[in-house]
Amino acid sequence: FIGSYTVMALLENGHQVVGIDSINDYYD
């Protein structure tokens, strides 16, 4: 939730972003 929004905000500010996530099944 928070990570996906943070990526977009940083990209809009001109930064280069590398994101990681396990994509586990804690929720859908």
PDB file of all heavy atoms in Angstrom:
ATOM      1  N   PHE A   1       0.821  -1.210   0.000  1.00  0.00           N
ATOM      2  CA  PHE A   1       0.000   0.000   0.000  1.00  0.00           C
ATOM      3  C   PHE A   1       0.855   1.261   0.000  1.00  0.00           C
ATOM      4  O   PHE A   1       0.877   2.034  -0.972  1.00  0.00           O
ATOM      5  CB  PHE A   1      -0.921  -0.058   1.216  1.00  0.00           C
ATOM      6  CG  PHE A   1      -1.836   1.112   1.399  1.00  0.00           C
ATOM      7  CD1 PHE A   1      -2.295   1.863   0.323  1.00  0.00           C
ATOM      8  CD2 PHE A   1      -2.288   1.454   2.674  1.00  0.00           C
ATOM      9  CE1 PHE A   1      -3.172   2.932   0.502  1.00  0.00           C
ATOM     10  CE2 PHE A   1      -3.155   2.513   2.863  1.00  0.00           C
ATOM     11  CZ  PHE A   1      -3.594   3.253   1.785  1.00  0.00           C
ATOM     12  N   ILE A   2       1.601   1.483   1.059  1.00  0.00           N
ATOM     13  CA  ILE A   2       2.400   2.707   1.177  1.00  0.00           C
ATOM     14  C   ILE A   2       3.542   2.706   0.171  1.00  0.00           C
ATOM     15  O   ILE A   2       3.858   3.734  -0.438  1.00  0.00           O
ATOM     16  CB  ILE A   2       2.937   2.874   2.613  1.00  0.00           C
ATOM     17  CG1 ILE A   2       1.767   2.937   3.614  1.00  0.00           C
ATOM     18  CG2 ILE A   2       3.796   4.137   2.737  1.00  0.00           C
ATOM     19  CD1 ILE A   2       2.200   2.933   5.070  1.00  0.00           C
ATOM     20  N   GLY A   3       4.146   1.545  -0.043  1.00  0.00           N
ATOM     21  CA  GLY A   3       5.267   1.456  -0.969  1.00  0.00           C
ATOM     22  C   GLY A   3       4.905   1.831  -2.386  1.00  0.00           C
ATOM     23  O   GLY A   3       5.674   2.518  -3.075  1.00  0.00           O
ATOM     24  N   SER A   4       3.728   1.395  -2.857  1.00  0.00           N
ATOM     25  CA  SER A   4       3.330   1.692  -4.235  1.00  0.00           C
ATOM     26  C   SER A   4       3.133   3.185  -4.440  1.00  0.00           C
ATOM     27  O   SER A   4       3.503   3.739  -5.481  1.00  0.00           O
ATOM     28  CB  SER A   4       2.053   0.926  -4.587  1.00  0.00           C
ATOM     29  OG  SER A   4       0.964   1.296  -3.760  1.00  0.00           O
ATOM     30  N   TYR A   5       2.566   3.866  -3.457  1.00  0.00           N
ATOM     31  CA  TYR A   5       2.382   5.314  -3.540  1.00  0.00           C
ATOM     32  C   TYR A   5       3.729   6.043  -3.463  1.00  0.00           C
ATOM     33  O   TYR A   5       3.946   7.040  -4.147  1.00  0.00           O
ATOM     34  CB  TYR A   5       1.491   5.802  -2.402  1.00  0.00           C
ATOM     35  CG  TYR A   5       0.007   5.727  -2.658  1.00  0.00           C
ATOM     36  CD1 TYR A   5      -0.695   4.548  -2.443  1.00  0.00           C
ATOM     37  CD2 TYR A   5      -0.712   6.837  -3.092  1.00  0.00           C
ATOM     38  CE1 TYR A   5      -2.073   4.474  -2.654  1.00  0.00           C
ATOM     39  CE2 TYR A   5      -2.083   6.785  -3.304  1.00  0.00           C
ATOM     40  CZ  TYR A   5      -2.755   5.597  -3.088  1.00  0.00           C
ATOM     41  OH  TYR A   5      -4.113   5.533  -3.298  1.00  0.00           O
ATOM     42  N   THR A   6       4.621   5.541  -2.606  1.00  0.00           N
ATOM     43  CA  THR A   6       5.919   6.191  -2.433  1.00  0.00           C
ATOM     44  C   THR A   6       6.728   6.146  -3.725  1.00  0.00           C
ATOM     45  O   THR A   6       7.390   7.127  -4.095  1.00  0.00           O
ATOM     46  CB  THR A   6       6.703   5.518  -1.288  1.00  0.00           C
ATOM     47  OG1 THR A   6       5.954   5.636  -0.075  1.00  0.00           O
ATOM     48  CG2 THR A   6       8.070   6.159  -1.098  1.00  0.00           C
ATOM     49  N   VAL A   7       6.673   5.024  -4.420  1.00  0.00           N
ATOM     50  CA  VAL A   7       7.363   4.906  -5.712  1.00  0.00           C
ATOM     51  C   VAL A   7       6.914   6.009  -6.658  1.00  0.00           C
ATOM     52  O   VAL A   7       7.732   6.699  -7.278  1.00  0.00           O
ATOM     53  CB  VAL A   7       7.102   3.524  -6.355  1.00  0.00           C
ATOM     54  CG1 VAL A   7       7.484   3.533  -7.829  1.00  0.00           C
ATOM     55  CG2 VAL A   7       7.887   2.449  -5.624  1.00  0.00           C
ATOM     56  N   MET A   8       5.592   6.183  -6.787  1.00  0.00           N
ATOM     57  CA  MET A   8       5.067   7.179  -7.722  1.00  0.00           C
ATOM     58  C   MET A   8       5.500   8.588  -7.334  1.00  0.00           C
ATOM     59  O   MET A   8       5.851   9.407  -8.196  1.00  0.00           O
ATOM     60  CB  MET A   8       3.539   7.088  -7.787  1.00  0.00           C
ATOM     61  CG  MET A   8       3.025   5.754  -8.314  1.00  0.00           C
ATOM     62  SD  MET A   8       3.754   5.296  -9.911  1.00  0.00           S
ATOM     63  CE  MET A   8       3.197   6.659 -10.928  1.00  0.00           C
ATOM     64  N   ALA A   9       5.492   8.883  -6.050  1.00  0.00           N
ATOM     65  CA  ALA A   9       5.896  10.223  -5.594  1.00  0.00           C
ATOM     66  C   ALA A   9       7.369  10.486  -5.892  1.00  0.00           C
ATOM     67  O   ALA A   9       7.743  11.582  -6.327  1.00  0.00           O
ATOM     68  CB  ALA A   9       5.622  10.365  -4.098  1.00  0.00           C
ATOM     69  N   LEU A  10       8.214   9.489  -5.675  1.00  0.00           N
ATOM     70  CA  LEU A  10       9.644   9.662  -5.938  1.00  0.00           C
ATOM     71  C   LEU A  10       9.920   9.797  -7.428  1.00  0.00           C
ATOM     72  O   LEU A  10      10.768  10.594  -7.845  1.00  0.00           O
ATOM     73  CB  LEU A  10      10.426   8.478  -5.358  1.00  0.00           C
ATOM     74  CG  LEU A  10      10.463   8.397  -3.827  1.00  0.00           C
ATOM     75  CD1 LEU A  10      11.108   7.094  -3.373  1.00  0.00           C
ATOM     76  CD2 LEU A  10      11.210   9.587  -3.222  1.00  0.00           C
ATOM     77  N   LEU A  11       9.213   9.020  -8.241  1.00  0.00           N
ATOM     78  CA  LEU A  11       9.371   9.139  -9.691  1.00  0.00           C
ATOM     79  C   LEU A  11       8.948  10.521 -10.177  1.00  0.00           C
ATOM     80  O   LEU A  11       9.606  11.128 -11.028  1.00  0.00           O
ATOM     81  CB  LEU A  11       8.559   8.056 -10.404  1.00  0.00           C
ATOM     82  CG  LEU A  11       9.059   6.610 -10.245  1.00  0.00           C
ATOM     83  CD1 LEU A  11       8.044   5.633 -10.817  1.00  0.00           C
ATOM     84  CD2 LEU A  11      10.427   6.430 -10.910  1.00  0.00           C
ATOM     85  N   GLU A  12       7.852  11.028  -9.618  1.00  0.00           N
ATOM     86  CA  GLU A  12       7.380  12.363  -9.992  1.00  0.00           C
ATOM     87  C   GLU A  12       8.386  13.441  -9.617  1.00  0.00           C
ATOM     88  O   GLU A  12       8.454  14.493 -10.262  1.00  0.00           O
ATOM     89  CB  GLU A  12       6.033  12.649  -9.315  1.00  0.00           C
ATOM     90  CG  GLU A  12       4.876  11.846  -9.914  1.00  0.00           C
ATOM     91  CD  GLU A  12       3.608  11.954  -9.094  1.00  0.00           C
ATOM     92  OE1 GLU A  12       3.602  12.727  -8.105  1.00  0.00           O
ATOM     93  OE2 GLU A  12       2.623  11.257  -9.422  1.00  0.00           O
ATOM     94  N   ASN A  13       9.195  13.165  -8.599  1.00  0.00           N
ATOM     95  CA  ASN A  13      10.227  14.122  -8.183  1.00  0.00           C
ATOM     96  C   ASN A  13      11.537  13.942  -8.945  1.00  0.00           C
ATOM     97  O   ASN A  13      12.539  14.585  -8.628  1.00  0.00           O
ATOM     98  CB  ASN A  13      10.489  13.985  -6.679  1.00  0.00           C
ATOM     99  CG  ASN A  13       9.360  14.573  -5.846  1.00  0.00           C
ATOM    100  OD1 ASN A  13       8.494  15.275  -6.362  1.00  0.00           O
ATOM    101  ND2 ASN A  13       9.357  14.284  -4.550  1.00  0.00           N
ATOM    102  N   GLY A  14      11.525  13.033  -9.939  1.00  0.00           N
ATOM    103  CA  GLY A  14      12.690  12.888 -10.800  1.00  0.00           C
ATOM    104  C   GLY A  14      13.721  11.877 -10.363  1.00  0.00           C
ATOM    105  O   GLY A  14      14.809  11.793 -10.961  1.00  0.00           O
ATOM    106  N   HIS A  15      13.430  11.085  -9.331  1.00  0.00           N
ATOM    107  CA  HIS A  15      14.388  10.096  -8.857  1.00  0.00           C
ATOM    108  C   HIS A  15      14.291   8.802  -9.665  1.00  0.00           C
ATOM    109  O   HIS A  15      13.257   8.504 -10.269  1.00  0.00           O
ATOM    110  CB  HIS A  15      14.155   9.785  -7.379  1.00  0.00           C
ATOM    111  CG  HIS A  15      14.285  10.981  -6.489  1.00  0.00           C
ATOM    112  ND1 HIS A  15      15.474  11.669  -6.356  1.00  0.00           N
ATOM    113  CD2 HIS A  15      13.382  11.611  -5.701  1.00  0.00           C
ATOM    114  CE1 HIS A  15      15.298  12.681  -5.509  1.00  0.00           C
ATOM    115  NE2 HIS A  15      14.026  12.668  -5.103  1.00  0.00           N
ATOM    116  N   GLN A  16      15.362   8.027  -9.627  1.00  0.00           N
ATOM    117  CA  GLN A  16      15.344   6.683 -10.178  1.00  0.00           C
ATOM    118  C   GLN A  16      15.047   5.731  -9.029  1.00  0.00           C
ATOM    119  O   GLN A  16      15.627   5.852  -7.944  1.00  0.00           O
ATOM    120  CB  GLN A  16      16.702   6.348 -10.799  1.00  0.00           C
ATOM    121  CG  GLN A  16      16.761   4.992 -11.479  1.00  0.00           C
ATOM    122  CD  GLN A  16      18.113   4.725 -12.123  1.00  0.00           C
ATOM    123  OE1 GLN A  16      18.981   5.597 -12.136  1.00  0.00           O
ATOM    124  NE2 GLN A  16      18.298   3.525 -12.639  1.00  0.00           N
ATOM    125  N   VAL A  17      14.119   4.781  -9.236  1.00  0.00           N
ATOM    126  CA  VAL A  17      13.679   3.904  -8.164  1.00  0.00           C
ATOM    127  C   VAL A  17      13.823   2.442  -8.554  1.00  0.00           C
ATOM    128  O   VAL A  17      13.447   2.028  -9.653  1.00  0.00           O
ATOM    129  CB  VAL A  17      12.204   4.182  -7.791  1.00  0.00           C
ATOM    130  CG1 VAL A  17      11.738   3.216  -6.691  1.00  0.00           C
ATOM    131  CG2 VAL A  17      12.023   5.623  -7.335  1.00  0.00           C
ATOM    132  N   VAL A  18      14.380   1.665  -7.642  1.00  0.00           N
ATOM    133  CA  VAL A  18      14.364   0.212  -7.741  1.00  0.00           C
ATOM    134  C   VAL A  18      13.483  -0.290  -6.600  1.00  0.00           C
ATOM    135  O   VAL A  18      13.707   0.074  -5.434  1.00  0.00           O
ATOM    136  CB  VAL A  18      15.772  -0.399  -7.618  1.00  0.00           C
ATOM    137  CG1 VAL A  18      15.694  -1.926  -7.619  1.00  0.00           C
ATOM    138  CG2 VAL A  18      16.669   0.095  -8.747  1.00  0.00           C
ATOM    139  N   GLY A  19      12.467  -1.078  -6.924  1.00  0.00           N
ATOM    140  CA  GLY A  19      11.540  -1.579  -5.913  1.00  0.00           C
ATOM    141  C   GLY A  19      11.668  -3.076  -5.744  1.00  0.00           C
ATOM    142  O   GLY A  19      11.952  -3.801  -6.704  1.00  0.00           O
ATOM    143  N   ILE A  20      11.497  -3.538  -4.519  1.00  0.00           N
ATOM    144  CA  ILE A  20      11.447  -4.976  -4.271  1.00  0.00           C
ATOM    145  C   ILE A  20      10.223  -5.303  -3.418  1.00  0.00           C
ATOM    146  O   ILE A  20       9.728  -4.462  -2.665  1.00  0.00           O
ATOM    147  CB  ILE A  20      12.717  -5.521  -3.579  1.00  0.00           C
ATOM    148  CG1 ILE A  20      12.873  -4.946  -2.162  1.00  0.00           C
ATOM    149  CG2 ILE A  20      13.956  -5.249  -4.421  1.00  0.00           C
ATOM    150  CD1 ILE A  20      13.970  -5.641  -1.349  1.00  0.00           C
ATOM    151  N   ASP A  21       9.732  -6.523  -3.565  1.00  0.00           N
ATOM    152  CA  ASP A  21       8.605  -7.015  -2.777  1.00  0.00           C
ATOM    153  C   ASP A  21       8.553  -8.523  -2.941  1.00  0.00           C
ATOM    154  O   ASP A  21       8.855  -9.044  -4.022  1.00  0.00           O
ATOM    155  CB  ASP A  21       7.295  -6.387  -3.258  1.00  0.00           C
ATOM    156  CG  ASP A  21       6.179  -6.475  -2.233  1.00  0.00           C
ATOM    157  OD1 ASP A  21       5.724  -7.612  -1.956  1.00  0.00           O
ATOM    158  OD2 ASP A  21       5.761  -5.439  -1.703  1.00  0.00           O
ATOM    159  N   SER A  22       8.133  -9.231  -1.899  1.00  0.00           N
ATOM    160  CA  SER A  22       8.023 -10.686  -1.989  1.00  0.00           C
ATOM    161  C   SER A  22       6.718 -11.115  -2.665  1.00  0.00           C
ATOM    162  O   SER A  22       6.600 -12.245  -3.141  1.00  0.00           O
ATOM    163  CB  SER A  22       8.093 -11.316  -0.598  1.00  0.00           C
ATOM    164  OG  SER A  22       6.949 -10.965   0.169  1.00  0.00           O
ATOM    165  N   ILE A  23       5.724 -10.213  -2.702  1.00  0.00           N
ATOM    166  CA  ILE A  23       4.380 -10.508  -3.218  1.00  0.00           C
ATOM    167  C   ILE A  23       3.831 -11.762  -2.527  1.00  0.00           C
ATOM    168  O   ILE A  23       3.376 -12.715  -3.177  1.00  0.00           O
ATOM    169  CB  ILE A  23       4.343 -10.662  -4.759  1.00  0.00           C
ATOM    170  CG1 ILE A  23       5.220  -9.604  -5.449  1.00  0.00           C
ATOM    171  CG2 ILE A  23       2.917 -10.564  -5.279  1.00  0.00           C
ATOM    172  CD1 ILE A  23       5.200  -9.674  -6.966  1.00  0.00           C
ATOM    173  N   ASN A  24       3.881 -11.776  -1.198  1.00  0.00           N
ATOM    174  CA  ASN A  24       3.376 -12.940  -0.471  1.00  0.00           C
ATOM    175  C   ASN A  24       1.851 -12.955  -0.431  1.00  0.00           C
ATOM    176  O   ASN A  24       1.190 -12.039  -0.930  1.00  0.00           O
ATOM    177  CB  ASN A  24       3.977 -13.011   0.944  1.00  0.00           C
ATOM    178  CG  ASN A  24       3.535 -11.856   1.837  1.00  0.00           C
ATOM    179  OD1 ASN A  24       2.473 -11.262   1.645  1.00  0.00           O
ATOM    180  ND2 ASN A  24       4.349 -11.528   2.823  1.00  0.00           N
ATOM    181  N   ASP A  25       1.288 -13.994   0.173  1.00  0.00           N
ATOM    182  CA  ASP A  25      -0.161 -14.151   0.173  1.00  0.00           C
ATOM    183  C   ASP A  25      -0.802 -13.802   1.515  1.00  0.00           C
ATOM    184  O   ASP A  25      -1.875 -14.319   1.839  1.00  0.00           O
ATOM    185  CB  ASP A  25      -0.537 -15.574  -0.242  1.00  0.00           C
ATOM    186  CG  ASP A  25       0.026 -16.629   0.710  1.00  0.00           C
ATOM    187  OD1 ASP A  25       0.729 -16.253   1.672  1.00  0.00           O
ATOM    188  OD2 ASP A  25      -0.251 -17.825   0.494  1.00  0.00           O
ATOM    189  N   TYR A  26      -0.168 -12.927   2.291  1.00  0.00           N
ATOM    190  CA  TYR A  26      -0.787 -12.470   3.547  1.00  0.00           C
ATOM    191  C   TYR A  26      -2.175 -11.895   3.277  1.00  0.00           C
ATOM    192  O   TYR A  26      -3.102 -12.096   4.031  1.00  0.00           O
ATOM    193  CB  TYR A  26       0.125 -11.440   4.222  1.00  0.00           C
ATOM    194  CG  TYR A  26      -0.538 -10.689   5.359  1.00  0.00           C
ATOM    195  CD1 TYR A  26      -1.002 -11.363   6.478  1.00  0.00           C
ATOM    196  CD2 TYR A  26      -0.703  -9.300   5.302  1.00  0.00           C
ATOM    197  CE1 TYR A  26      -1.625 -10.681   7.516  1.00  0.00           C
ATOM    198  CE2 TYR A  26      -1.315  -8.624   6.329  1.00  0.00           C
ATOM    199  CZ  TYR A  26      -1.780  -9.310   7.432  1.00  0.00           C
ATOM    200  OH  TYR A  26      -2.401  -8.635   8.458  1.00  0.00           O
ATOM    201  N   TYR A  27      -2.308 -11.136   2.197  1.00  0.00           N
ATOM    202  CA  TYR A  27      -3.618 -10.788   1.652  1.00  0.00           C
ATOM    203  C   TYR A  27      -3.551 -10.943   0.144  1.00  0.00           C
ATOM    204  O   TYR A  27      -2.497 -11.232  -0.420  1.00  0.00           O
ATOM    205  CB  TYR A  27      -4.087  -9.396   2.099  1.00  0.00           C
ATOM    206  CG  TYR A  27      -3.223  -8.230   1.684  1.00  0.00           C
ATOM    207  CD1 TYR A  27      -3.265  -7.710   0.401  1.00  0.00           C
ATOM    208  CD2 TYR A  27      -2.365  -7.613   2.604  1.00  0.00           C
ATOM    209  CE1 TYR A  27      -2.486  -6.628   0.023  1.00  0.00           C
ATOM    210  CE2 TYR A  27      -1.573  -6.531   2.235  1.00  0.00           C
ATOM    211  CZ  TYR A  27      -1.655  -6.045   0.944  1.00  0.00           C
ATOM    212  OH  TYR A  27      -0.874  -4.985   0.563  1.00  0.00           O
ATOM    213  N   ASP A  28      -4.661 -10.767  -0.528  1.00  0.00           N
ATOM    214  CA  ASP A  28      -4.834 -11.058  -1.945  1.00  0.00           C
ATOM    215  C   ASP A  28      -3.679 -10.552  -2.820  1.00  0.00           C
ATOM    216  O   ASP A  28      -3.520  -9.350  -3.018  1.00  0.00           O
ATOM    217  CB  ASP A  28      -6.148 -10.431  -2.421  1.00  0.00           C
ATOM    218  CG  ASP A  28      -6.474 -10.769  -3.864  1.00  0.00           C
ATOM    219  OD1 ASP A  28      -5.788 -11.628  -4.435  1.00  0.00           O
ATOM    220  OD2 ASP A  28      -7.416 -10.160  -4.400  1.00  0.00           O
TER     221      ASP A  28
END
